[in-house]
Amino acid sequence: MLASASPRRLQLLERVGLTPDLLNPSDIDELPHKRETPRALSIRLAREKAQRALEMPLVKELGHNTFVLGADTVVGLGRRILPKAETLDEARDCLSLLSGRSHWVYSTVCLIAPGNKISTRCVETKVRFKRLSREDVDSYMASNEWRGKAGGYAIQGRAEAFVRLLSGSHSAVVGLPLYETVSLLEGAGYPVFHSWMTAPQSEV
């Protein structure tokens, strides 16, 4: 079960042959605590999303052998937490801060396995943007891809053209660190590779 409404996270899971039985996003307060670091926020929110989902009626109906995944992605510039941009001004401010600089993306996955066993992994990825021109920013604002995205950009879209350097996990920047997610599921006893063997073959 995936505690997220993000189509990006669902697509990433499906890319590695995993299809959740249920999508049940958790409604939690995502405001950072006072003096909370970007990394700490990402970890806390991923855990809270998974734990809140576990309490929901639809999830309880799945039974005691349910695996619940929660995830959260935070963009940080030093100790500063960049928002999930909802307005043009927020998105422009984010891109202005990121222009020509390196920032960190903290992407956490939290797995609650049967028996209420909780495992968490936080992946830190360094991303450096080129210096953005006014035309870069204006055209990106027109794309509307920035809306609701941490740091005001979606790396899986047009903003990938801004990236000069990425050191770490590309899938984590998109929203879900695949290597860590599969490792957590496998370690908790989820039949990851059985699903690979039984899934319909796809053309590569």
N, C-alpha and C. Protein backbone atom coordinates (compact mmCIF):
# COMPACT_ATOMS: atom_id res chain seq x y z
N MET A 1 0.84 -1.17 0.00
CA MET A 1 0.00 0.00 0.00
C MET A 1 0.89 1.24 0.00
N LEU A 2 0.57 2.21 -0.84
CA LEU A 2 1.36 3.43 -0.95
C LEU A 2 0.58 4.60 -0.36
N ALA A 3 1.16 5.23 0.67
CA ALA A 3 0.51 6.35 1.34
C ALA A 3 0.86 7.65 0.64
N SER A 4 0.44 7.75 -0.61
CA SER A 4 0.76 8.94 -1.41
C SER A 4 -0.21 9.05 -2.57
N ALA A 5 -0.53 10.29 -2.92
CA ALA A 5 -1.36 10.54 -4.10
C ALA A 5 -0.50 10.91 -5.31
N SER A 6 0.82 10.87 -5.13
CA SER A 6 1.73 11.32 -6.17
C SER A 6 1.78 10.34 -7.35
N PRO A 7 1.39 10.78 -8.53
CA PRO A 7 1.50 9.90 -9.71
C PRO A 7 2.95 9.56 -10.02
N ARG A 8 3.87 10.45 -9.63
CA ARG A 8 5.30 10.19 -9.89
C ARG A 8 5.78 8.99 -9.07
N ARG A 9 5.39 8.92 -7.81
CA ARG A 9 5.82 7.79 -6.98
C ARG A 9 5.21 6.48 -7.47
N LEU A 10 3.96 6.52 -7.88
CA LEU A 10 3.33 5.32 -8.42
C LEU A 10 4.04 4.87 -9.68
N GLN A 11 4.37 5.80 -10.56
CA GLN A 11 5.08 5.45 -11.80
C GLN A 11 6.45 4.86 -11.51
N LEU A 12 7.13 5.39 -10.51
CA LEU A 12 8.44 4.84 -10.16
C LEU A 12 8.33 3.41 -9.66
N LEU A 13 7.35 3.14 -8.80
CA LEU A 13 7.15 1.77 -8.32
C LEU A 13 6.82 0.83 -9.48
N GLU A 14 5.94 1.28 -10.35
CA GLU A 14 5.55 0.43 -11.48
C GLU A 14 6.72 0.19 -12.42
N ARG A 15 7.65 1.14 -12.46
CA ARG A 15 8.83 0.98 -13.32
C ARG A 15 9.66 -0.22 -12.91
N VAL A 16 9.65 -0.53 -11.61
CA VAL A 16 10.40 -1.70 -11.13
C VAL A 16 9.48 -2.87 -10.83
N GLY A 17 8.31 -2.88 -11.48
CA GLY A 17 7.43 -4.04 -11.40
C GLY A 17 6.62 -4.17 -10.14
N LEU A 18 6.43 -3.08 -9.39
CA LEU A 18 5.67 -3.14 -8.15
C LEU A 18 4.41 -2.28 -8.27
N THR A 19 3.25 -2.89 -8.08
CA THR A 19 1.99 -2.17 -8.16
C THR A 19 1.27 -2.27 -6.82
N PRO A 20 1.09 -1.16 -6.13
CA PRO A 20 0.42 -1.20 -4.82
C PRO A 20 -1.03 -1.69 -4.93
N ASP A 21 -1.49 -2.39 -3.90
CA ASP A 21 -2.88 -2.83 -3.84
C ASP A 21 -3.81 -1.66 -3.59
N LEU A 22 -3.27 -0.60 -2.98
CA LEU A 22 -4.11 0.54 -2.60
C LEU A 22 -3.27 1.80 -2.59
N LEU A 23 -3.85 2.89 -3.08
CA LEU A 23 -3.25 4.22 -2.94
C LEU A 23 -4.11 4.97 -1.94
N ASN A 24 -3.53 5.35 -0.81
CA ASN A 24 -4.30 6.01 0.24
C ASN A 24 -3.47 7.14 0.84
N PRO A 25 -3.53 8.33 0.23
CA PRO A 25 -2.72 9.44 0.73
C PRO A 25 -3.09 9.84 2.15
N SER A 26 -2.09 10.23 2.93
CA SER A 26 -2.29 10.65 4.31
C SER A 26 -2.36 12.16 4.39
N ASP A 27 -3.36 12.66 5.06
CA ASP A 27 -3.52 14.09 5.23
C ASP A 27 -2.87 14.51 6.55
N ILE A 28 -1.67 15.06 6.46
CA ILE A 28 -0.95 15.47 7.67
C ILE A 28 -0.49 16.92 7.51
N ASP A 29 -0.15 17.53 8.63
CA ASP A 29 0.40 18.88 8.63
C ASP A 29 1.87 18.79 8.22
N GLU A 30 2.22 19.41 7.10
CA GLU A 30 3.58 19.31 6.59
C GLU A 30 4.44 20.52 6.94
N LEU A 31 3.96 21.42 7.77
CA LEU A 31 4.75 22.57 8.15
C LEU A 31 5.94 22.14 8.99
N PRO A 32 7.13 22.68 8.71
CA PRO A 32 8.31 22.30 9.50
C PRO A 32 8.22 22.84 10.93
N HIS A 33 8.83 22.10 11.83
CA HIS A 33 8.94 22.56 13.21
C HIS A 33 10.02 23.64 13.31
N LYS A 34 9.99 24.37 14.38
CA LYS A 34 10.99 25.43 14.58
C LYS A 34 12.39 24.81 14.61
N ARG A 35 13.28 25.39 13.81
CA ARG A 35 14.69 24.97 13.70
C ARG A 35 14.85 23.55 13.14
N GLU A 36 13.82 22.99 12.54
CA GLU A 36 13.91 21.66 11.94
C GLU A 36 14.72 21.74 10.64
N THR A 37 15.63 20.81 10.45
CA THR A 37 16.45 20.80 9.24
C THR A 37 15.68 20.15 8.10
N PRO A 38 16.09 20.41 6.84
CA PRO A 38 15.41 19.75 5.71
C PRO A 38 15.43 18.23 5.82
N ARG A 39 16.55 17.66 6.24
CA ARG A 39 16.65 16.20 6.34
C ARG A 39 15.70 15.66 7.42
N ALA A 40 15.69 16.32 8.57
CA ALA A 40 14.83 15.87 9.66
C ALA A 40 13.35 15.97 9.28
N LEU A 41 13.00 17.02 8.54
CA LEU A 41 11.62 17.18 8.09
C LEU A 41 11.21 16.05 7.16
N SER A 42 12.06 15.71 6.21
CA SER A 42 11.77 14.64 5.27
C SER A 42 11.53 13.32 6.00
N ILE A 43 12.39 13.02 6.95
CA ILE A 43 12.26 11.76 7.71
C ILE A 43 10.98 11.75 8.52
N ARG A 44 10.71 12.85 9.22
CA ARG A 44 9.51 12.91 10.07
C ARG A 44 8.23 12.77 9.25
N LEU A 45 8.15 13.48 8.13
CA LEU A 45 6.92 13.45 7.33
C LEU A 45 6.69 12.08 6.70
N ALA A 46 7.75 11.43 6.24
CA ALA A 46 7.59 10.09 5.66
C ALA A 46 7.05 9.12 6.70
N ARG A 47 7.58 9.19 7.91
CA ARG A 47 7.10 8.31 8.99
C ARG A 47 5.66 8.62 9.36
N GLU A 48 5.34 9.91 9.47
CA GLU A 48 3.99 10.29 9.85
C GLU A 48 2.97 9.88 8.80
N LYS A 49 3.34 10.00 7.53
CA LYS A 49 2.43 9.59 6.45
C LYS A 49 2.14 8.09 6.53
N ALA A 50 3.19 7.29 6.74
CA ALA A 50 3.00 5.84 6.81
C ALA A 50 2.18 5.46 8.04
N GLN A 51 2.47 6.08 9.18
CA GLN A 51 1.75 5.75 10.41
C GLN A 51 0.30 6.18 10.34
N ARG A 52 0.02 7.35 9.74
CA ARG A 52 -1.36 7.80 9.60
C ARG A 52 -2.13 6.88 8.67
N ALA A 53 -1.49 6.45 7.58
CA ALA A 53 -2.15 5.56 6.64
C ALA A 53 -2.54 4.25 7.29
N LEU A 54 -1.70 3.77 8.19
CA LEU A 54 -1.95 2.49 8.85
C LEU A 54 -3.24 2.52 9.67
N GLU A 55 -3.65 3.71 10.08
CA GLU A 55 -4.86 3.87 10.90
C GLU A 55 -6.14 3.99 10.07
N MET A 56 -6.02 4.13 8.76
CA MET A 56 -7.18 4.39 7.92
C MET A 56 -7.98 3.11 7.66
N PRO A 57 -9.32 3.23 7.62
CA PRO A 57 -10.19 2.05 7.46
C PRO A 57 -9.86 1.20 6.23
N LEU A 58 -9.61 1.83 5.08
CA LEU A 58 -9.33 1.05 3.88
C LEU A 58 -8.06 0.23 4.01
N VAL A 59 -7.08 0.78 4.74
CA VAL A 59 -5.83 0.05 4.95
C VAL A 59 -6.04 -1.10 5.92
N LYS A 60 -6.82 -0.86 6.96
CA LYS A 60 -7.10 -1.93 7.94
C LYS A 60 -7.82 -3.10 7.29
N GLU A 61 -8.63 -2.80 6.27
CA GLU A 61 -9.36 -3.86 5.58
C GLU A 61 -8.43 -4.80 4.82
N LEU A 62 -7.22 -4.35 4.52
CA LEU A 62 -6.27 -5.20 3.79
C LEU A 62 -5.72 -6.33 4.66
N GLY A 63 -5.86 -6.18 5.98
CA GLY A 63 -5.41 -7.24 6.88
C GLY A 63 -4.06 -6.98 7.52
N HIS A 64 -3.59 -7.96 8.29
CA HIS A 64 -2.37 -7.79 9.09
C HIS A 64 -1.09 -7.98 8.29
N ASN A 65 -1.19 -8.51 7.10
CA ASN A 65 0.02 -8.74 6.30
C ASN A 65 0.28 -7.60 5.32
N THR A 66 -0.16 -6.42 5.68
CA THR A 66 -0.02 -5.27 4.80
C THR A 66 1.34 -4.59 4.96
N PHE A 67 1.93 -4.22 3.84
CA PHE A 67 3.15 -3.42 3.81
C PHE A 67 2.75 -2.00 3.41
N VAL A 68 3.09 -1.03 4.24
CA VAL A 68 2.71 0.36 3.99
C VAL A 68 3.95 1.19 3.71
N LEU A 69 3.94 1.90 2.58
CA LEU A 69 5.05 2.78 2.22
C LEU A 69 4.62 4.24 2.34
N GLY A 70 5.42 5.02 3.06
CA GLY A 70 5.24 6.46 3.11
C GLY A 70 6.50 7.11 2.58
N ALA A 71 6.37 8.26 1.93
CA ALA A 71 7.55 8.92 1.37
C ALA A 71 7.38 10.43 1.41
N ASP A 72 8.51 11.11 1.50
CA ASP A 72 8.46 12.58 1.45
C ASP A 72 9.79 13.10 0.89
N THR A 73 9.67 14.18 0.12
CA THR A 73 10.84 14.79 -0.49
C THR A 73 10.91 16.26 -0.12
N VAL A 74 12.08 16.68 0.35
CA VAL A 74 12.29 18.06 0.78
C VAL A 74 13.52 18.62 0.07
N VAL A 75 13.41 19.84 -0.43
CA VAL A 75 14.53 20.53 -1.05
C VAL A 75 15.10 21.52 -0.06
N GLY A 76 16.41 21.43 0.16
CA GLY A 76 17.06 22.31 1.13
C GLY A 76 18.22 23.07 0.53
N LEU A 77 18.35 24.31 0.96
CA LEU A 77 19.48 25.16 0.60
C LEU A 77 20.15 25.53 1.91
N GLY A 78 21.22 24.80 2.25
CA GLY A 78 21.76 24.92 3.59
C GLY A 78 20.74 24.37 4.57
N ARG A 79 20.42 25.14 5.61
CA ARG A 79 19.39 24.72 6.56
C ARG A 79 18.00 25.22 6.15
N ARG A 80 17.95 25.97 5.07
CA ARG A 80 16.68 26.53 4.63
C ARG A 80 15.85 25.49 3.89
N ILE A 81 14.58 25.40 4.26
CA ILE A 81 13.65 24.47 3.61
C ILE A 81 12.87 25.24 2.56
N LEU A 82 12.98 24.81 1.31
CA LEU A 82 12.22 25.45 0.24
C LEU A 82 10.81 24.85 0.18
N PRO A 83 9.81 25.68 -0.09
CA PRO A 83 8.43 25.19 -0.04
C PRO A 83 8.05 24.36 -1.25
N LYS A 84 6.90 23.68 -1.15
CA LYS A 84 6.26 23.10 -2.31
C LYS A 84 5.47 24.23 -2.94
N ALA A 85 5.99 24.76 -4.03
CA ALA A 85 5.46 26.00 -4.59
C ALA A 85 4.01 25.85 -5.03
N GLU A 86 3.17 26.77 -4.58
CA GLU A 86 1.76 26.79 -4.97
C GLU A 86 1.38 28.05 -5.73
N THR A 87 2.26 29.05 -5.71
CA THR A 87 1.99 30.29 -6.43
C THR A 87 3.18 30.62 -7.33
N LEU A 88 2.92 31.47 -8.32
CA LEU A 88 4.00 31.88 -9.21
C LEU A 88 5.13 32.56 -8.45
N ASP A 89 4.78 33.39 -7.46
CA ASP A 89 5.80 34.08 -6.69
C ASP A 89 6.67 33.10 -5.91
N GLU A 90 6.05 32.09 -5.32
CA GLU A 90 6.82 31.08 -4.59
C GLU A 90 7.77 30.35 -5.53
N ALA A 91 7.27 29.97 -6.69
CA ALA A 91 8.10 29.23 -7.65
C ALA A 91 9.26 30.09 -8.16
N ARG A 92 8.98 31.36 -8.46
CA ARG A 92 10.04 32.26 -8.92
C ARG A 92 11.10 32.46 -7.84
N ASP A 93 10.65 32.61 -6.60
CA ASP A 93 11.60 32.78 -5.49
C ASP A 93 12.50 31.55 -5.36
N CYS A 94 11.91 30.37 -5.48
CA CYS A 94 12.70 29.13 -5.39
C CYS A 94 13.74 29.07 -6.50
N LEU A 95 13.34 29.32 -7.73
CA LEU A 95 14.27 29.24 -8.85
C LEU A 95 15.35 30.31 -8.75
N SER A 96 14.99 31.47 -8.22
CA SER A 96 15.99 32.52 -8.02
C SER A 96 17.06 32.08 -7.02
N LEU A 97 16.63 31.40 -5.97
CA LEU A 97 17.58 30.90 -4.96
C LEU A 97 18.45 29.77 -5.52
N LEU A 98 17.88 28.93 -6.37
CA LEU A 98 18.60 27.76 -6.89
C LEU A 98 19.49 28.08 -8.08
N SER A 99 19.24 29.20 -8.73
CA SER A 99 19.98 29.57 -9.94
C SER A 99 21.48 29.64 -9.71
N GLY A 100 22.25 28.85 -10.47
CA GLY A 100 23.69 28.87 -10.40
C GLY A 100 24.28 28.28 -9.13
N ARG A 101 23.46 27.60 -8.33
CA ARG A 101 23.94 27.09 -7.05
C ARG A 101 23.63 25.61 -6.89
N SER A 102 24.27 25.01 -5.91
CA SER A 102 23.99 23.62 -5.55
C SER A 102 23.00 23.59 -4.40
N HIS A 103 22.12 22.60 -4.43
CA HIS A 103 21.20 22.40 -3.32
C HIS A 103 21.09 20.90 -3.06
N TRP A 104 20.43 20.55 -1.98
CA TRP A 104 20.28 19.15 -1.60
C TRP A 104 18.82 18.76 -1.62
N VAL A 105 18.57 17.56 -2.11
CA VAL A 105 17.23 16.99 -2.09
C VAL A 105 17.25 15.80 -1.14
N TYR A 106 16.38 15.86 -0.14
CA TYR A 106 16.29 14.80 0.87
C TYR A 106 15.00 14.03 0.62
N SER A 107 15.15 12.77 0.24
CA SER A 107 13.99 11.95 -0.09
C SER A 107 13.99 10.72 0.83
N THR A 108 12.93 10.62 1.62
CA THR A 108 12.85 9.55 2.61
C THR A 108 11.73 8.59 2.27
N VAL A 109 12.00 7.30 2.44
CA VAL A 109 10.96 6.28 2.33
C VAL A 109 10.86 5.58 3.68
N CYS A 110 9.62 5.39 4.14
CA CYS A 110 9.38 4.70 5.41
C CYS A 110 8.49 3.50 5.12
N LEU A 111 8.93 2.34 5.56
CA LEU A 111 8.16 1.10 5.38
C LEU A 111 7.68 0.59 6.73
N ILE A 112 6.38 0.37 6.83
CA ILE A 112 5.83 -0.33 8.00
C ILE A 112 5.41 -1.71 7.53
N ALA A 113 6.12 -2.71 8.01
CA ALA A 113 5.89 -4.10 7.61
C ALA A 113 4.97 -4.78 8.62
N PRO A 114 4.43 -5.96 8.28
CA PRO A 114 3.60 -6.70 9.24
C PRO A 114 4.31 -6.85 10.58
N GLY A 115 3.54 -6.71 11.67
CA GLY A 115 4.13 -6.73 13.00
C GLY A 115 4.54 -5.35 13.45
N ASN A 116 4.15 -4.33 12.66
CA ASN A 116 4.45 -2.93 12.97
C ASN A 116 5.96 -2.66 13.02
N LYS A 117 6.68 -3.34 12.15
CA LYS A 117 8.13 -3.12 12.06
C LYS A 117 8.39 -1.93 11.13
N ILE A 118 9.02 -0.89 11.67
CA ILE A 118 9.23 0.35 10.93
C ILE A 118 10.70 0.47 10.48
N SER A 119 10.89 0.70 9.19
CA SER A 119 12.24 0.92 8.66
C SER A 119 12.22 2.19 7.82
N THR A 120 13.29 2.97 7.93
CA THR A 120 13.34 4.26 7.24
C THR A 120 14.70 4.45 6.58
N ARG A 121 14.69 5.01 5.38
CA ARG A 121 15.92 5.38 4.70
C ARG A 121 15.77 6.79 4.12
N CYS A 122 16.74 7.62 4.39
CA CYS A 122 16.76 8.97 3.82
C CYS A 122 17.93 9.07 2.84
N VAL A 123 17.63 9.47 1.62
CA VAL A 123 18.64 9.59 0.57
C VAL A 123 18.91 11.06 0.30
N GLU A 124 20.18 11.43 0.31
CA GLU A 124 20.57 12.82 0.07
C GLU A 124 21.22 12.94 -1.31
N THR A 125 20.68 13.81 -2.13
CA THR A 125 21.18 13.98 -3.50
C THR A 125 21.54 15.44 -3.72
N LYS A 126 22.73 15.66 -4.24
CA LYS A 126 23.18 17.02 -4.53
C LYS A 126 22.85 17.37 -5.97
N VAL A 127 22.20 18.51 -6.16
CA VAL A 127 21.81 18.96 -7.49
C VAL A 127 22.34 20.38 -7.70
N ARG A 128 22.97 20.61 -8.85
CA ARG A 128 23.45 21.96 -9.17
C ARG A 128 22.77 22.46 -10.43
N PHE A 129 22.16 23.64 -10.33
CA PHE A 129 21.51 24.26 -11.47
C PHE A 129 22.47 25.18 -12.21
N LYS A 130 22.24 25.34 -13.48
CA LYS A 130 22.94 26.37 -14.23
C LYS A 130 22.41 27.73 -13.78
N ARG A 131 23.07 28.80 -14.20
CA ARG A 131 22.54 30.13 -13.92
C ARG A 131 21.35 30.37 -14.84
N LEU A 132 20.20 30.62 -14.25
CA LEU A 132 18.97 30.73 -15.01
C LEU A 132 18.75 32.15 -15.53
N SER A 133 18.41 32.25 -16.79
CA SER A 133 18.08 33.54 -17.38
C SER A 133 16.62 33.87 -17.10
N ARG A 134 16.24 35.09 -17.38
CA ARG A 134 14.83 35.46 -17.22
C ARG A 134 13.95 34.62 -18.15
N GLU A 135 14.47 34.35 -19.36
CA GLU A 135 13.70 33.54 -20.31
C GLU A 135 13.52 32.12 -19.79
N ASP A 136 14.58 31.56 -19.15
CA ASP A 136 14.47 30.23 -18.54
C ASP A 136 13.32 30.19 -17.55
N VAL A 137 13.31 31.17 -16.65
CA VAL A 137 12.32 31.19 -15.58
C VAL A 137 10.92 31.45 -16.14
N ASP A 138 10.79 32.42 -17.04
CA ASP A 138 9.48 32.75 -17.60
C ASP A 138 8.87 31.56 -18.34
N SER A 139 9.69 30.89 -19.12
CA SER A 139 9.18 29.75 -19.90
C SER A 139 8.82 28.59 -18.97
N TYR A 140 9.59 28.43 -17.90
CA TYR A 140 9.27 27.35 -16.96
C TYR A 140 7.99 27.66 -16.19
N MET A 141 7.81 28.92 -15.83
CA MET A 141 6.56 29.30 -15.16
C MET A 141 5.36 28.99 -16.05
N ALA A 142 5.51 29.22 -17.36
CA ALA A 142 4.40 28.98 -18.29
C ALA A 142 4.06 27.50 -18.41
N SER A 143 5.03 26.63 -18.12
CA SER A 143 4.79 25.19 -18.24
C SER A 143 3.88 24.66 -17.15
N ASN A 144 3.83 25.35 -16.02
CA ASN A 144 3.02 24.96 -14.86
C ASN A 144 3.51 23.68 -14.19
N GLU A 145 4.68 23.17 -14.60
CA GLU A 145 5.21 21.96 -13.98
C GLU A 145 5.64 22.18 -12.54
N TRP A 146 5.88 23.42 -12.16
CA TRP A 146 6.40 23.75 -10.84
C TRP A 146 5.35 23.60 -9.74
N ARG A 147 4.08 23.62 -10.11
CA ARG A 147 3.02 23.70 -9.10
C ARG A 147 3.00 22.48 -8.19
N GLY A 148 3.10 22.73 -6.88
CA GLY A 148 3.06 21.66 -5.89
C GLY A 148 4.36 20.89 -5.74
N LYS A 149 5.42 21.35 -6.42
CA LYS A 149 6.69 20.62 -6.39
C LYS A 149 7.65 21.24 -5.36
N ALA A 150 8.32 20.39 -4.61
CA ALA A 150 9.31 20.86 -3.65
C ALA A 150 10.40 21.63 -4.38
N GLY A 151 10.69 22.83 -3.90
CA GLY A 151 11.71 23.65 -4.53
C GLY A 151 11.25 24.33 -5.80
N GLY A 152 9.99 24.14 -6.18
CA GLY A 152 9.46 24.81 -7.35
C GLY A 152 9.87 24.23 -8.69
N TYR A 153 10.29 22.95 -8.71
CA TYR A 153 10.64 22.34 -9.99
C TYR A 153 10.43 20.83 -9.97
N ALA A 154 10.25 20.26 -11.15
CA ALA A 154 10.11 18.82 -11.31
C ALA A 154 11.24 18.34 -12.21
N ILE A 155 12.15 17.57 -11.66
CA ILE A 155 13.32 17.17 -12.44
C ILE A 155 12.96 16.22 -13.58
N GLN A 156 11.83 15.54 -13.47
CA GLN A 156 11.44 14.61 -14.53
C GLN A 156 10.80 15.32 -15.72
N GLY A 157 10.75 16.65 -15.66
CA GLY A 157 10.18 17.42 -16.76
C GLY A 157 11.20 18.36 -17.37
N ARG A 158 10.73 19.54 -17.74
CA ARG A 158 11.57 20.52 -18.44
C ARG A 158 12.74 21.00 -17.58
N ALA A 159 12.58 20.98 -16.27
CA ALA A 159 13.63 21.50 -15.39
C ALA A 159 14.91 20.67 -15.43
N GLU A 160 14.84 19.47 -15.98
CA GLU A 160 16.06 18.67 -16.08
C GLU A 160 17.09 19.36 -16.98
N ALA A 161 16.62 20.24 -17.86
CA ALA A 161 17.53 20.99 -18.72
C ALA A 161 18.33 22.02 -17.93
N PHE A 162 17.92 22.31 -16.69
CA PHE A 162 18.64 23.27 -15.84
C PHE A 162 19.77 22.61 -15.05
N VAL A 163 19.78 21.27 -15.00
CA VAL A 163 20.68 20.55 -14.10
C VAL A 163 22.06 20.37 -14.71
N ARG A 164 23.06 20.99 -14.10
CA ARG A 164 24.45 20.82 -14.55
C ARG A 164 25.09 19.59 -13.91
N LEU A 165 24.68 19.27 -12.68
CA LEU A 165 25.30 18.18 -11.93
C LEU A 165 24.26 17.55 -11.02
N LEU A 166 24.26 16.23 -10.99
CA LEU A 166 23.43 15.50 -10.03
C LEU A 166 24.29 14.41 -9.43
N SER A 167 24.47 14.46 -8.13
CA SER A 167 25.28 13.46 -7.43
C SER A 167 24.41 12.75 -6.41
N GLY A 168 24.02 11.52 -6.76
CA GLY A 168 23.13 10.78 -5.88
C GLY A 168 22.10 10.01 -6.69
N SER A 169 20.85 10.03 -6.25
CA SER A 169 19.79 9.23 -6.84
C SER A 169 18.81 10.10 -7.62
N HIS A 170 18.70 9.84 -8.93
CA HIS A 170 17.75 10.59 -9.74
C HIS A 170 16.31 10.28 -9.31
N SER A 171 16.01 9.01 -9.04
CA SER A 171 14.64 8.65 -8.65
C SER A 171 14.26 9.30 -7.31
N ALA A 172 15.25 9.51 -6.44
CA ALA A 172 14.96 10.17 -5.16
C ALA A 172 14.54 11.61 -5.39
N VAL A 173 15.16 12.28 -6.35
CA VAL A 173 14.79 13.67 -6.65
C VAL A 173 13.39 13.72 -7.26
N VAL A 174 13.05 12.70 -8.04
CA VAL A 174 11.69 12.62 -8.60
C VAL A 174 10.67 12.44 -7.48
N GLY A 175 11.05 11.68 -6.43
CA GLY A 175 10.13 11.53 -5.31
C GLY A 175 10.21 10.23 -4.54
N LEU A 176 10.95 9.23 -5.05
CA LEU A 176 11.04 7.95 -4.34
C LEU A 176 12.36 7.26 -4.68
N PRO A 177 13.24 7.06 -3.70
CA PRO A 177 14.52 6.38 -3.98
C PRO A 177 14.28 4.89 -4.21
N LEU A 178 14.41 4.46 -5.47
CA LEU A 178 14.01 3.11 -5.83
C LEU A 178 14.90 2.03 -5.21
N TYR A 179 16.21 2.25 -5.24
CA TYR A 179 17.11 1.23 -4.68
C TYR A 179 16.78 0.97 -3.21
N GLU A 180 16.63 2.05 -2.44
CA GLU A 180 16.35 1.92 -1.02
C GLU A 180 14.96 1.33 -0.77
N THR A 181 14.00 1.71 -1.59
CA THR A 181 12.64 1.19 -1.42
C THR A 181 12.59 -0.31 -1.65
N VAL A 182 13.20 -0.76 -2.74
CA VAL A 182 13.21 -2.20 -3.03
C VAL A 182 14.00 -2.96 -1.96
N SER A 183 15.10 -2.38 -1.48
CA SER A 183 15.91 -3.03 -0.44
C SER A 183 15.12 -3.18 0.85
N LEU A 184 14.36 -2.14 1.24
CA LEU A 184 13.55 -2.22 2.45
C LEU A 184 12.48 -3.29 2.31
N LEU A 185 11.80 -3.31 1.18
CA LEU A 185 10.74 -4.31 0.96
C LEU A 185 11.30 -5.73 0.98
N GLU A 186 12.41 -5.92 0.28
CA GLU A 186 13.03 -7.25 0.24
C GLU A 186 13.47 -7.69 1.63
N GLY A 187 14.08 -6.76 2.37
CA GLY A 187 14.56 -7.08 3.72
C GLY A 187 13.43 -7.40 4.68
N ALA A 188 12.24 -6.85 4.43
CA ALA A 188 11.09 -7.08 5.31
C ALA A 188 10.29 -8.31 4.90
N GLY A 189 10.72 -8.97 3.83
CA GLY A 189 10.05 -10.20 3.42
C GLY A 189 9.02 -10.05 2.34
N TYR A 190 8.94 -8.87 1.73
CA TYR A 190 7.99 -8.69 0.63
C TYR A 190 8.54 -9.39 -0.62
N PRO A 191 7.70 -10.13 -1.34
CA PRO A 191 8.19 -10.90 -2.51
C PRO A 191 8.44 -10.02 -3.73
N VAL A 192 9.44 -9.18 -3.64
CA VAL A 192 9.74 -8.24 -4.73
C VAL A 192 10.01 -8.97 -6.03
N PHE A 193 10.90 -9.93 -5.98
CA PHE A 193 11.34 -10.56 -7.22
C PHE A 193 10.33 -11.59 -7.73
N HIS A 194 9.47 -12.09 -6.85
CA HIS A 194 8.39 -12.95 -7.30
C HIS A 194 7.45 -12.14 -8.20
N SER A 195 7.20 -10.87 -7.81
CA SER A 195 6.33 -10.02 -8.62
C SER A 195 6.97 -9.76 -9.98
N TRP A 196 8.30 -9.71 -10.02
CA TRP A 196 8.99 -9.52 -11.30
C TRP A 196 8.77 -10.73 -12.22
N MET A 197 8.86 -11.92 -11.61
CA MET A 197 8.76 -13.14 -12.41
C MET A 197 7.35 -13.39 -12.92
N THR A 198 6.36 -12.93 -12.15
CA THR A 198 4.96 -13.21 -12.52
C THR A 198 4.32 -12.07 -13.31
N ALA A 199 5.01 -10.93 -13.39
CA ALA A 199 4.44 -9.79 -14.13
C ALA A 199 4.53 -10.04 -15.63
N PRO A 200 3.59 -9.48 -16.40
CA PRO A 200 3.66 -9.62 -17.87
C PRO A 200 4.97 -9.05 -18.41
N GLN A 201 5.52 -9.71 -19.39
CA GLN A 201 6.78 -9.24 -19.97
C GLN A 201 6.51 -7.97 -20.77
N SER A 202 7.44 -7.04 -20.66
CA SER A 202 7.32 -5.78 -21.40
C SER A 202 8.48 -5.64 -22.36
N GLU A 203 8.24 -4.91 -23.42
CA GLU A 203 9.30 -4.67 -24.39
C GLU A 203 10.21 -3.55 -23.89
N VAL A 204 11.49 -3.72 -24.05
CA VAL A 204 12.47 -2.72 -23.61
C VAL A 204 12.96 -1.95 -24.82
